[in-house]
Amino acid sequence: MLRRRLRRPESRRKFFISRITGKGVYLIDEPEAALSPQGQLSLIYLIMSKPKDVDAQFIVATHSSIIIAITDVEILEFRDGQTSPTKYEDTEHYKITKSFLEDPKAFLKAL
């Protein structure tokens, strides 16, 4: 039943809204999997507003260059069995996305 509800992007966003309701630590694994860029921005708004409202903390595992752009957070990068803090602009996801958006044709040709 839960799997079925999460298939549509809007349902997934509503799922997060319905579950993030009170004080606590929330572990979220790849929330971008079924969300459009607009849906990811809505989720960012939800994450950024909840700590102020309900004293919540979020630990988010993501590959989304949109979601890791959340301000005033600690970004930890996992590479070769090591964990290290990093800046948004230094993440591999940011660099690849930036390179692609600057010149998609050249990027795809280089593949």
Foldseek 3Di string as FASTA:
>chain_A
DVVVQVQAQVSLLVVVVVVLDAAEEEEEEASVPRHDLVSLVVVLVVQVPSCVVHVYHYDYHHLDLSNVVRPPDWDWDADPNDIDTDDSCPDPSNVLVVVCVVPVVVSVVVD
